[in-house]
Amino acid sequence: MAKTSVKARAKKAPKYSTRVVRRCFKCGRRHGYMRDFDLCRICFRELANEGMIPGVKKSSW
């Protein structure tokens, strides 16, 4: 979990557009971030396994 101050800093508008830091809305993690779901890979997997993300299911072949 990211610190509250780090999350708040990421929400502020940056001086330059290249400085945007995208973070998981659930835990605040910045690495392994998926833009389509606004989640990190860990939170995505947890929610997908619980069936909380519509249209996503575990694949098997």
PDB file of N, CA and C in Angstrom:
ATOM      1  N   MET A   1       0.837  -1.184   0.000  1.00  0.00           N
ATOM      2  CA  MET A   1       0.000   0.000   0.000  1.00  0.00           C
ATOM      3  C   MET A   1       0.879   1.243   0.000  1.00  0.00           C
ATOM      4  N   ALA A   2       0.528   2.172  -0.862  1.00  0.00           N
ATOM      5  CA  ALA A   2       1.252   3.433  -0.933  1.00  0.00           C
ATOM      6  C   ALA A   2       0.801   4.357   0.198  1.00  0.00           C
ATOM      7  N   LYS A   3       1.712   5.236   0.601  1.00  0.00           N
ATOM      8  CA  LYS A   3       1.373   6.186   1.653  1.00  0.00           C
ATOM      9  C   LYS A   3       0.330   7.177   1.138  1.00  0.00           C
ATOM     10  N   THR A   4      -0.425   7.720   2.034  1.00  0.00           N
ATOM     11  CA  THR A   4      -1.474   8.678   1.679  1.00  0.00           C
ATOM     12  C   THR A   4      -0.893   9.912   1.007  1.00  0.00           C
ATOM     13  N   SER A   5       0.274  10.352   1.463  1.00  0.00           N
ATOM     14  CA  SER A   5       0.896  11.541   0.868  1.00  0.00           C
ATOM     15  C   SER A   5       1.320  11.285  -0.575  1.00  0.00           C
ATOM     16  N   VAL A   6       1.751  10.081  -0.876  1.00  0.00           N
ATOM     17  CA  VAL A   6       2.166   9.732  -2.237  1.00  0.00           C
ATOM     18  C   VAL A   6       0.958   9.694  -3.160  1.00  0.00           C
ATOM     19  N   LYS A   7      -0.162   9.157  -2.661  1.00  0.00           N
ATOM     20  CA  LYS A   7      -1.393   9.126  -3.456  1.00  0.00           C
ATOM     21  C   LYS A   7      -1.879  10.541  -3.743  1.00  0.00           C
ATOM     22  N   ALA A   8      -1.825  11.409  -2.741  1.00  0.00           N
ATOM     23  CA  ALA A   8      -2.277  12.790  -2.906  1.00  0.00           C
ATOM     24  C   ALA A   8      -1.408  13.531  -3.912  1.00  0.00           C
ATOM     25  N   ARG A   9      -0.103  13.285  -3.872  1.00  0.00           N
ATOM     26  CA  ARG A   9       0.806  13.932  -4.809  1.00  0.00           C
ATOM     27  C   ARG A   9       0.532  13.487  -6.247  1.00  0.00           C
ATOM     28  N   ALA A  10       0.160  12.225  -6.430  1.00  0.00           N
ATOM     29  CA  ALA A  10      -0.123  11.711  -7.768  1.00  0.00           C
ATOM     30  C   ALA A  10      -1.412  12.298  -8.338  1.00  0.00           C
ATOM     31  N   LYS A  11      -2.344  12.697  -7.471  1.00  0.00           N
ATOM     32  CA  LYS A  11      -3.615  13.253  -7.939  1.00  0.00           C
ATOM     33  C   LYS A  11      -3.488  14.695  -8.401  1.00  0.00           C
ATOM     34  N   LYS A  12      -2.454  15.394  -7.922  1.00  0.00           N
ATOM     35  CA  LYS A  12      -2.256  16.785  -8.320  1.00  0.00           C
ATOM     36  C   LYS A  12      -1.910  16.868  -9.804  1.00  0.00           C
ATOM     37  N   ALA A  13      -2.327  17.948 -10.447  1.00  0.00           N
ATOM     38  CA  ALA A  13      -2.007  18.145 -11.858  1.00  0.00           C
ATOM     39  C   ALA A  13      -0.517  18.458 -11.994  1.00  0.00           C
ATOM     40  N   PRO A  14       0.198  17.716 -12.853  1.00  0.00           N
ATOM     41  CA  PRO A  14       1.635  17.951 -12.994  1.00  0.00           C
ATOM     42  C   PRO A  14       1.927  19.189 -13.848  1.00  0.00           C
ATOM     43  N   LYS A  15       3.126  19.700 -13.684  1.00  0.00           N
ATOM     44  CA  LYS A  15       3.553  20.861 -14.458  1.00  0.00           C
ATOM     45  C   LYS A  15       3.661  20.497 -15.936  1.00  0.00           C
ATOM     46  N   TYR A  16       4.139  19.294 -16.215  1.00  0.00           N
ATOM     47  CA  TYR A  16       4.272  18.794 -17.585  1.00  0.00           C
ATOM     48  C   TYR A  16       3.502  17.481 -17.719  1.00  0.00           C
ATOM     49  N   SER A  17       2.919  17.256 -18.884  1.00  0.00           N
ATOM     50  CA  SER A  17       2.064  16.081 -19.068  1.00  0.00           C
ATOM     51  C   SER A  17       2.846  14.770 -18.976  1.00  0.00           C
ATOM     52  N   THR A  18       4.156  14.802 -19.212  1.00  0.00           N
ATOM     53  CA  THR A  18       4.936  13.568 -19.136  1.00  0.00           C
ATOM     54  C   THR A  18       5.194  13.126 -17.706  1.00  0.00           C
ATOM     55  N   ARG A  19       4.899  13.977 -16.749  1.00  0.00           N
ATOM     56  CA  ARG A  19       5.120  13.642 -15.342  1.00  0.00           C
ATOM     57  C   ARG A  19       3.914  12.982 -14.682  1.00  0.00           C
ATOM     58  N   VAL A  20       2.895  12.663 -15.441  1.00  0.00           N
ATOM     59  CA  VAL A  20       1.702  12.033 -14.878  1.00  0.00           C
ATOM     60  C   VAL A  20       2.074  10.660 -14.327  1.00  0.00           C
ATOM     61  N   VAL A  21       1.685  10.395 -13.096  1.00  0.00           N
ATOM     62  CA  VAL A  21       1.923   9.095 -12.477  1.00  0.00           C
ATOM     63  C   VAL A  21       0.574   8.433 -12.293  1.00  0.00           C
ATOM     64  N   ARG A  22       0.362   7.349 -13.001  1.00  0.00           N
ATOM     65  CA  ARG A  22      -0.908   6.626 -12.884  1.00  0.00           C
ATOM     66  C   ARG A  22      -0.765   5.571 -11.798  1.00  0.00           C
ATOM     67  N   ARG A  23      -1.728   5.556 -10.888  1.00  0.00           N
ATOM     68  CA  ARG A  23      -1.690   4.631  -9.770  1.00  0.00           C
ATOM     69  C   ARG A  23      -2.988   3.845  -9.677  1.00  0.00           C
ATOM     70  N   CYS A  24      -2.880   2.668  -9.136  1.00  0.00           N
ATOM     71  CA  CYS A  24      -4.043   1.824  -8.868  1.00  0.00           C
ATOM     72  C   CYS A  24      -4.953   2.545  -7.881  1.00  0.00           C
ATOM     73  N   PHE A  25      -6.242   2.617  -8.198  1.00  0.00           N
ATOM     74  CA  PHE A  25      -7.147   3.349  -7.314  1.00  0.00           C
ATOM     75  C   PHE A  25      -7.408   2.578  -6.026  1.00  0.00           C
ATOM     76  N   LYS A  26      -7.181   1.280  -6.034  1.00  0.00           N
ATOM     77  CA  LYS A  26      -7.469   0.464  -4.856  1.00  0.00           C
ATOM     78  C   LYS A  26      -6.320   0.486  -3.844  1.00  0.00           C
ATOM     79  N   CYS A  27      -5.080   0.272  -4.319  1.00  0.00           N
ATOM     80  CA  CYS A  27      -3.959   0.167  -3.378  1.00  0.00           C
ATOM     81  C   CYS A  27      -2.905   1.257  -3.554  1.00  0.00           C
ATOM     82  N   GLY A  28      -2.890   1.957  -4.679  1.00  0.00           N
ATOM     83  CA  GLY A  28      -1.929   3.030  -4.891  1.00  0.00           C
ATOM     84  C   GLY A  28      -0.649   2.604  -5.560  1.00  0.00           C
ATOM     85  N   ARG A  29      -0.543   1.355  -5.949  1.00  0.00           N
ATOM     86  CA  ARG A  29       0.668   0.846  -6.604  1.00  0.00           C
ATOM     87  C   ARG A  29       0.818   1.480  -7.978  1.00  0.00           C
ATOM     88  N   ARG A  30       2.057   1.782  -8.388  1.00  0.00           N
ATOM     89  CA  ARG A  30       2.248   2.428  -9.687  1.00  0.00           C
ATOM     90  C   ARG A  30       2.841   1.501 -10.739  1.00  0.00           C
ATOM     91  N   HIS A  31       3.518   0.441 -10.333  1.00  0.00           N
ATOM     92  CA  HIS A  31       4.085  -0.504 -11.297  1.00  0.00           C
ATOM     93  C   HIS A  31       3.062  -1.595 -11.591  1.00  0.00           C
ATOM     94  N   GLY A  32       3.073  -2.113 -12.799  1.00  0.00           N
ATOM     95  CA  GLY A  32       2.124  -3.152 -13.180  1.00  0.00           C
ATOM     96  C   GLY A  32       0.715  -2.614 -13.321  1.00  0.00           C
ATOM     97  N   TYR A  33       0.597  -1.366 -13.771  1.00  0.00           N
ATOM     98  CA  TYR A  33      -0.695  -0.675 -13.862  1.00  0.00           C
ATOM     99  C   TYR A  33      -1.357  -0.956 -15.205  1.00  0.00           C
ATOM    100  N   MET A  34      -2.641  -1.232 -15.208  1.00  0.00           N
ATOM    101  CA  MET A  34      -3.412  -1.439 -16.436  1.00  0.00           C
ATOM    102  C   MET A  34      -4.405  -0.296 -16.599  1.00  0.00           C
ATOM    103  N   ARG A  35      -4.225   0.480 -17.656  1.00  0.00           N
ATOM    104  CA  ARG A  35      -5.065   1.660 -17.876  1.00  0.00           C
ATOM    105  C   ARG A  35      -6.531   1.298 -18.107  1.00  0.00           C
ATOM    106  N   ASP A  36      -6.766   0.191 -18.798  1.00  0.00           N
ATOM    107  CA  ASP A  36      -8.141  -0.186 -19.134  1.00  0.00           C
ATOM    108  C   ASP A  36      -9.003  -0.370 -17.883  1.00  0.00           C
ATOM    109  N   PHE A  37      -8.398  -0.824 -16.812  1.00  0.00           N
ATOM    110  CA  PHE A  37      -9.148  -1.125 -15.598  1.00  0.00           C
ATOM    111  C   PHE A  37      -8.815  -0.197 -14.442  1.00  0.00           C
ATOM    112  N   ASP A  38      -7.804   0.650 -14.584  1.00  0.00           N
ATOM    113  CA  ASP A  38      -7.360   1.569 -13.536  1.00  0.00           C
ATOM    114  C   ASP A  38      -6.921   0.798 -12.292  1.00  0.00           C
ATOM    115  N   LEU A  39      -6.317  -0.382 -12.511  1.00  0.00           N
ATOM    116  CA  LEU A  39      -5.877  -1.254 -11.430  1.00  0.00           C
ATOM    117  C   LEU A  39      -4.457  -1.746 -11.690  1.00  0.00           C
ATOM    118  N   CYS A  40      -3.774  -2.138 -10.617  1.00  0.00           N
ATOM    119  CA  CYS A  40      -2.484  -2.800 -10.780  1.00  0.00           C
ATOM    120  C   CYS A  40      -2.760  -4.285 -11.049  1.00  0.00           C
ATOM    121  N   ARG A  41      -1.731  -4.999 -11.428  1.00  0.00           N
ATOM    122  CA  ARG A  41      -1.904  -6.408 -11.803  1.00  0.00           C
ATOM    123  C   ARG A  41      -2.373  -7.268 -10.631  1.00  0.00           C
ATOM    124  N   ILE A  42      -1.957  -6.928  -9.431  1.00  0.00           N
ATOM    125  CA  ILE A  42      -2.312  -7.722  -8.257  1.00  0.00           C
ATOM    126  C   ILE A  42      -3.791  -7.546  -7.918  1.00  0.00           C
ATOM    127  N   CYS A  43      -4.242  -6.293  -7.863  1.00  0.00           N
ATOM    128  CA  CYS A  43      -5.655  -6.024  -7.566  1.00  0.00           C
ATOM    129  C   CYS A  43      -6.547  -6.532  -8.693  1.00  0.00           C
ATOM    130  N   PHE A  44      -6.064  -6.425  -9.933  1.00  0.00           N
ATOM    131  CA  PHE A  44      -6.835  -6.932 -11.069  1.00  0.00           C
ATOM    132  C   PHE A  44      -7.079  -8.426 -10.918  1.00  0.00           C
ATOM    133  N   ARG A  45      -6.038  -9.154 -10.557  1.00  0.00           N
ATOM    134  CA  ARG A  45      -6.169 -10.600 -10.429  1.00  0.00           C
ATOM    135  C   ARG A  45      -7.124 -10.975  -9.303  1.00  0.00           C
ATOM    136  N   GLU A  46      -7.016 -10.269  -8.178  1.00  0.00           N
ATOM    137  CA  GLU A  46      -7.906 -10.547  -7.046  1.00  0.00           C
ATOM    138  C   GLU A  46      -9.368 -10.321  -7.431  1.00  0.00           C
ATOM    139  N   LEU A  47      -9.651  -9.177  -8.064  1.00  0.00           N
ATOM    140  CA  LEU A  47     -11.032  -8.857  -8.433  1.00  0.00           C
ATOM    141  C   LEU A  47     -11.552  -9.767  -9.540  1.00  0.00           C
ATOM    142  N   ALA A  48     -10.678 -10.133 -10.486  1.00  0.00           N
ATOM    143  CA  ALA A  48     -11.096 -11.011 -11.574  1.00  0.00           C
ATOM    144  C   ALA A  48     -11.440 -12.403 -11.050  1.00  0.00           C
ATOM    145  N   ASN A  49     -10.667 -12.905 -10.110  1.00  0.00           N
ATOM    146  CA  ASN A  49     -10.941 -14.228  -9.537  1.00  0.00           C
ATOM    147  C   ASN A  49     -12.232 -14.235  -8.724  1.00  0.00           C
ATOM    148  N   GLU A  50     -12.579 -13.101  -8.135  1.00  0.00           N
ATOM    149  CA  GLU A  50     -13.829 -13.000  -7.382  1.00  0.00           C
ATOM    150  C   GLU A  50     -15.027 -12.757  -8.297  1.00  0.00           C
ATOM    151  N   GLY A  51     -14.769 -12.444  -9.579  1.00  0.00           N
ATOM    152  CA  GLY A  51     -15.839 -12.182 -10.524  1.00  0.00           C
ATOM    153  C   GLY A  51     -16.391 -10.772 -10.432  1.00  0.00           C
ATOM    154  N   MET A  52     -15.595  -9.840  -9.904  1.00  0.00           N
ATOM    155  CA  MET A  52     -16.045  -8.477  -9.704  1.00  0.00           C
ATOM    156  C   MET A  52     -15.856  -7.585 -10.944  1.00  0.00           C
ATOM    157  N   ILE A  53     -15.043  -8.036 -11.909  1.00  0.00           N
ATOM    158  CA  ILE A  53     -14.814  -7.256 -13.128  1.00  0.00           C
ATOM    159  C   ILE A  53     -15.658  -7.867 -14.243  1.00  0.00           C
ATOM    160  N   PRO A  54     -16.643  -7.134 -14.752  1.00  0.00           N
ATOM    161  CA  PRO A  54     -17.505  -7.716 -15.779  1.00  0.00           C
ATOM    162  C   PRO A  54     -16.751  -7.967 -17.074  1.00  0.00           C
ATOM    163  N   GLY A  55     -17.029  -9.116 -17.690  1.00  0.00           N
ATOM    164  CA  GLY A  55     -16.426  -9.461 -18.970  1.00  0.00           C
ATOM    165  C   GLY A  55     -15.069 -10.121 -18.861  1.00  0.00           C
ATOM    166  N   VAL A  56     -14.565 -10.335 -17.663  1.00  0.00           N
ATOM    167  CA  VAL A  56     -13.250 -10.944 -17.483  1.00  0.00           C
ATOM    168  C   VAL A  56     -13.447 -12.275 -16.774  1.00  0.00           C
ATOM    169  N   LYS A  57     -12.840 -13.329 -17.340  1.00  0.00           N
ATOM    170  CA  LYS A  57     -12.893 -14.627 -16.688  1.00  0.00           C
ATOM    171  C   LYS A  57     -11.535 -15.313 -16.833  1.00  0.00           C
ATOM    172  N   LYS A  58     -11.263 -16.229 -15.968  1.00  0.00           N
ATOM    173  CA  LYS A  58      -9.989 -16.934 -15.995  1.00  0.00           C
ATOM    174  C   LYS A  58      -9.968 -17.869 -17.185  1.00  0.00           C
ATOM    175  N   SER A  59      -8.900 -17.811 -17.946  1.00  0.00           N
ATOM    176  CA  SER A  59      -8.808 -18.636 -19.144  1.00  0.00           C
ATOM    177  C   SER A  59      -8.157 -19.975 -18.818  1.00  0.00           C
ATOM    178  N   SER A  60      -8.517 -20.987 -19.574  1.00  0.00           N
ATOM    179  CA  SER A  60      -7.877 -22.292 -19.465  1.00  0.00           C
ATOM    180  C   SER A  60      -7.969 -22.955 -20.828  1.00  0.00           C
ATOM    181  N   TRP A  61      -6.893 -23.625 -21.187  1.00  0.00           N
ATOM    182  CA  TRP A  61      -6.872 -24.333 -22.470  1.00  0.00           C
ATOM    183  C   TRP A  61      -6.021 -25.560 -22.392  1.00  0.00           C
TER     184      TRP A  61
END
